[in-house]
Protein backbone atom coordinates (compact mmCIF):
# COMPACT_ATOMS: atom_id res chain seq x y z
CA MET A 1 205.21 206.85 190.97
CA GLY A 2 207.46 207.43 187.96
CA GLY A 3 209.89 205.54 185.93
CA PRO A 4 212.83 204.14 186.70
CA VAL A 5 215.99 206.95 186.45
CA ALA A 6 219.55 206.16 186.74
CA GLY A 7 222.89 207.37 186.07
CA ASP A 8 224.07 205.64 183.00
CA VAL A 9 220.49 204.90 181.66
CA ALA A 10 218.51 206.93 179.35
CA LEU A 11 214.69 204.82 179.28
CA PHE A 12 212.87 206.17 176.58
CA PRO A 13 214.57 207.71 173.28
CA PRO A 14 211.98 208.44 170.62
CA GLY A 15 211.08 205.90 168.41
CA VAL A 16 211.55 202.90 171.01
CA ARG A 17 208.99 200.83 172.26
CA THR A 18 208.73 200.89 176.05
CA ASP A 19 207.22 197.30 176.37
CA GLY A 20 208.55 196.21 179.69
CA SER A 21 211.51 194.30 177.37
CA ALA A 22 215.07 195.23 178.69
CA ARG A 23 216.17 194.09 175.24
CA ALA A 24 213.54 196.97 173.17
CA MET A 25 216.16 198.57 172.06
CA THR A 26 218.36 195.94 170.26
CA GLU A 27 217.69 195.73 167.06
CA ARG A 28 218.05 199.84 167.10
CA GLU A 29 221.08 199.61 168.91
CA ARG A 30 222.65 197.09 166.41
CA GLY A 31 221.28 199.38 163.44
CA CYS A 32 223.92 201.87 165.23
CA GLY A 33 227.31 201.37 162.72
CA THR A 34 230.32 202.80 162.40
CA VAL A 35 229.02 206.01 160.58
CA ARG A 36 226.26 206.64 162.33
CA ALA A 37 228.22 206.75 165.68
CA LEU A 38 230.61 209.13 163.94
CA SER A 39 227.56 211.35 162.44
CA GLY A 40 225.76 211.47 165.42
CA LEU A 41 228.83 211.69 167.95
CA TRP A 42 228.84 215.88 167.87
CA ARG A 43 224.73 216.51 167.73
CA TRP A 44 224.45 213.63 170.51
CA ARG A 45 226.89 214.91 173.03
CA ARG A 46 224.72 217.68 174.72
CA ASN A 47 221.25 215.18 174.83
CA PRO A 48 219.88 214.78 177.96
CA LEU A 49 219.84 211.02 176.95
CA CYS A 50 223.03 210.50 175.85
CA ARG A 51 224.39 207.47 177.91
CA THR A 52 228.31 207.57 179.03
CA THR A 53 227.90 204.01 176.67
CA ASP A 54 226.89 206.37 173.78
CA LEU A 55 229.77 208.30 174.05
CA VAL A 56 232.34 205.48 174.32
CA GLU A 57 230.93 203.88 171.41
CA ALA A 58 231.31 206.94 169.29
CA TRP A 59 234.78 207.62 169.97
CA THR A 60 235.89 203.84 169.94
CA ALA A 61 234.27 204.24 166.24
CA LEU A 62 236.33 207.17 165.05
CA VAL A 63 239.52 206.33 166.74
CA ALA A 64 238.74 202.79 164.88
CA LEU A 65 238.31 204.60 161.86
CA LEU A 66 241.42 206.76 161.85
CA LEU A 67 243.48 203.43 162.89
CA VAL A 68 242.14 202.21 159.48
CA VAL A 69 242.03 205.00 157.25
CA VAL A 70 245.96 205.46 158.97
CA ALA A 71 248.16 203.42 160.61
CA SER A 72 246.67 200.39 158.52
CA PRO A 73 248.04 201.66 155.01
CA VAL A 74 251.08 202.82 157.19
CA THR A 75 251.78 199.20 158.42
CA GLY A 76 251.32 197.84 154.58
CA TRP A 77 253.69 200.87 153.47
CA LEU A 78 256.41 199.96 156.06
CA VAL A 79 256.40 196.22 155.72
CA GLY A 80 256.26 196.59 151.72
CA SER A 81 259.36 198.63 152.45
CA ALA A 82 261.36 196.32 154.58
CA VAL A 83 260.38 193.47 152.34
CA GLN A 84 261.50 195.73 148.89
CA GLY A 85 264.73 196.35 150.61
CA VAL A 86 265.55 192.72 151.15
CA LEU A 87 264.15 191.42 148.00
CA GLN A 88 266.08 193.96 145.75
CA LYS A 89 269.50 193.43 147.60
CA SER A 90 268.60 189.48 146.57
CA VAL A 91 268.19 190.56 143.13
CA ARG A 92 271.49 192.42 143.36
CA GLU A 93 273.80 189.53 145.32
CA GLN A 94 272.02 187.18 142.60
CA ARG A 95 273.18 188.55 139.44
CA GLN A 96 276.32 189.03 141.45
CA ALA A 97 276.93 185.55 141.58
CA ARG A 98 274.84 184.05 138.82
CA HIS A 99 275.95 184.32 135.12
CA LEU A 100 274.07 183.82 132.08
CA VAL A 101 276.79 181.22 129.72
CA THR A 102 275.96 179.39 126.50
CA ALA A 103 275.85 175.37 126.75
CA THR A 104 275.62 173.34 123.44
CA VAL A 105 273.55 170.42 123.23
CA LEU A 106 275.69 166.94 122.58
CA GLY A 107 272.54 164.14 122.31
CA ARG A 108 268.74 164.03 123.16
CA LEU A 109 267.81 162.46 126.26
CA GLY A 110 263.90 162.63 126.13
CA THR A 111 261.25 164.84 126.58
CA VAL A 112 259.52 166.50 129.24
CA ALA A 113 256.51 168.04 130.03
CA PRO A 114 255.53 171.46 130.58
CA GLU A 115 255.64 172.97 134.39
CA SER A 116 254.50 175.27 136.36
CA ASP A 117 256.82 177.21 138.51
CA ALA A 118 257.19 180.51 140.05
CA ASP A 119 258.68 182.20 136.92
CA PRO A 120 256.48 183.40 134.02
CA GLU A 121 259.37 183.09 131.50
CA THR A 122 259.65 180.19 132.06
CA SER A 123 256.58 178.84 133.01
CA ARG A 124 254.66 176.19 130.36
CA VAL A 125 257.92 175.95 128.87
CA VAL A 126 258.65 172.44 126.78
CA ARG A 127 262.36 171.07 127.76
CA SER A 128 264.01 168.37 126.82
CA ARG A 129 266.37 166.53 128.81
CA VAL A 130 269.77 166.60 127.21
CA THR A 131 273.63 165.97 127.57
CA ALA A 132 274.96 169.21 126.96
CA ALA A 133 279.02 171.01 127.35
CA TRP A 134 279.66 174.22 128.28
CA THR A 135 282.06 176.17 129.54
CA ALA A 136 282.27 178.40 133.21
CA PRO A 137 283.15 182.16 134.03
CA ASP A 138 286.19 180.61 135.38
CA GLY A 139 287.07 179.24 132.37
CA THR A 140 286.46 175.32 133.55
CA ARG A 141 284.42 173.26 131.20
CA HIS A 142 281.51 171.21 131.98
CA ARG A 143 279.29 168.00 130.38
CA GLY A 144 276.28 166.41 131.77
CA PRO A 145 272.64 165.99 131.26
CA LEU A 146 270.02 168.87 131.83
CA LEU A 147 266.70 170.61 130.68
CA ALA A 148 267.27 172.60 127.50
CA PRO A 149 264.27 175.11 126.77
CA LEU A 150 264.28 173.17 123.37
CA GLN A 151 261.47 171.49 121.76
CA THR A 152 263.38 169.23 119.14
CA PRO A 153 266.88 169.62 120.59
CA ARG A 154 269.92 168.46 117.83
CA PRO A 155 273.59 168.17 118.44
CA GLY A 156 275.55 171.53 118.39
CA ASP A 157 271.61 173.27 119.03
CA ARG A 158 272.56 176.10 121.98
CA PHE A 159 270.95 177.64 124.82
CA PRO A 160 271.40 180.17 127.94
CA LEU A 161 272.26 178.60 131.25
CA TRP A 162 272.36 180.05 134.47
CA THR A 163 275.28 178.98 136.27
CA ASP A 164 277.83 180.18 139.45
CA ARG A 165 281.33 181.25 138.92
CA HIS A 166 282.07 177.67 138.75
CA GLY A 167 279.70 176.18 136.45
CA ARG A 168 277.57 174.59 138.69
CA ILE A 169 273.91 174.91 137.62
CA VAL A 170 271.85 177.51 139.13
CA PRO A 171 268.24 179.16 139.02
CA ARG A 172 268.20 182.36 137.35
CA PRO A 173 268.36 185.34 139.56
CA LEU A 174 265.28 187.16 140.68
CA ASP A 175 263.78 189.70 138.43
CA PRO A 176 263.58 193.16 140.28
CA ALA A 177 260.09 193.90 138.48
CA ALA A 178 258.80 190.29 140.29
CA ALA A 179 260.40 191.42 143.75
CA THR A 180 258.47 194.74 143.82
CA VAL A 181 255.48 192.39 143.11
CA HIS A 182 256.47 190.16 146.03
CA ALA A 183 256.80 193.22 147.88
CA VAL A 184 253.43 195.07 147.07
CA LEU A 185 251.78 192.33 148.10
CA ALA A 186 253.35 191.65 151.22
CA GLY A 187 252.39 195.33 152.16
CA VAL A 188 248.63 194.36 151.24
CA GLY A 189 249.11 191.49 153.16
CA ALA A 190 250.10 193.68 156.16
CA ALA A 191 247.41 195.95 155.92
CA LEU A 192 244.10 193.48 156.33
CA PRO A 193 245.07 192.09 158.74
CA ALA A 194 245.96 195.06 160.35
CA ALA A 195 242.53 196.53 159.40
CA GLY A 196 240.78 193.58 160.58
CA ILE A 197 242.08 193.74 164.09
CA VAL A 198 241.11 196.85 164.65
CA GLU A 199 237.78 196.09 163.05
CA GLY A 200 237.38 193.34 165.37
CA ALA A 201 238.86 195.40 168.52
CA ARG A 202 236.22 197.71 167.91
CA ARG A 203 233.45 195.15 167.69
CA LEU A 204 234.68 193.76 171.12
CA VAL A 205 234.46 196.73 173.03
CA VAL A 206 230.53 197.81 171.14
CA TRP A 207 229.89 194.02 172.97
CA ARG A 208 231.11 195.08 176.13
CA LEU A 209 228.52 198.01 175.98
CA MET A 210 225.95 196.55 174.47
CA ARG A 211 225.78 193.92 177.61
CA ARG A 212 226.45 196.97 180.13
CA ARG A 213 223.34 198.66 178.77
CA PHE A 214 221.38 195.08 178.73
CA ALA A 215 222.46 194.95 182.78
CA GLN A 216 221.22 198.41 183.38
CA TRP A 217 217.99 198.51 181.46
CA ASP A 218 217.05 194.72 183.56
CA ARG A 219 218.53 196.72 186.79
CA ALA A 220 216.20 200.10 185.71
CA TRP A 221 212.76 197.46 184.91
CA GLN A 222 213.29 195.83 188.54
CA ARG A 223 213.57 199.12 189.83
CA ALA A 224 210.25 200.06 188.16
CA GLY A 225 208.27 196.73 189.51
CA PRO A 226 204.91 196.21 188.86
CA ASP A 227 203.38 199.98 189.47
CA TRP A 228 205.01 200.79 185.96
CA GLY A 229 201.89 199.55 184.34
CA ARG A 230 199.73 201.74 186.75
CA MET A 231 201.63 205.17 185.60
CA GLY A 232 199.09 208.36 185.11
CA THR A 233 196.33 206.24 186.11
CA GLY A 234 195.47 208.02 189.19
CA SER A 235 195.80 204.71 191.19
């Protein structure tokens, strides 16, 4: 009696133990990664042992590779470009609305410990709480307590201060270079998950194919039955 032969089932590829276990190829098939599937696609396509699932897995690997190499960078570039446009527009708007004026120290109120913030130019700077006076771009005069980037301020010392046109204190405008860095990070942050999604989809397809192969092997061994061990003995 011959062994089981059916449609999509290739029973005995070279190097596979035929010990009756439907899962004898598990480790070998798991070792066939994306690169191996791609390299063997053209050579394996006309092999009589080639199964439909082998071709599906190889083409899935090829499509996944193309998406990771092409689509993921394109996604990152599109997202980064969009973020760059929004941030640079914000930079221009902030530079139009915020003005650098000079404040004069009237008296010292105390010293504040350095703090870390998003601006590398002002992070880890010792600041002092002072009473100061400044003139707004619209000509109005202001005075009040604020933080000055001075370690030992004395009355009469001057320091730069960012305000709006009416003299209200505002944060310094976003730097164009910092905006570009944020845009690049956003692009990378979009490209990496896109590549991860593609790889996850590929692994899901391969997992489904493996389950299908196992089911086909189980059915084939059931059809072979107990006569498989007596093949070629003349019984």
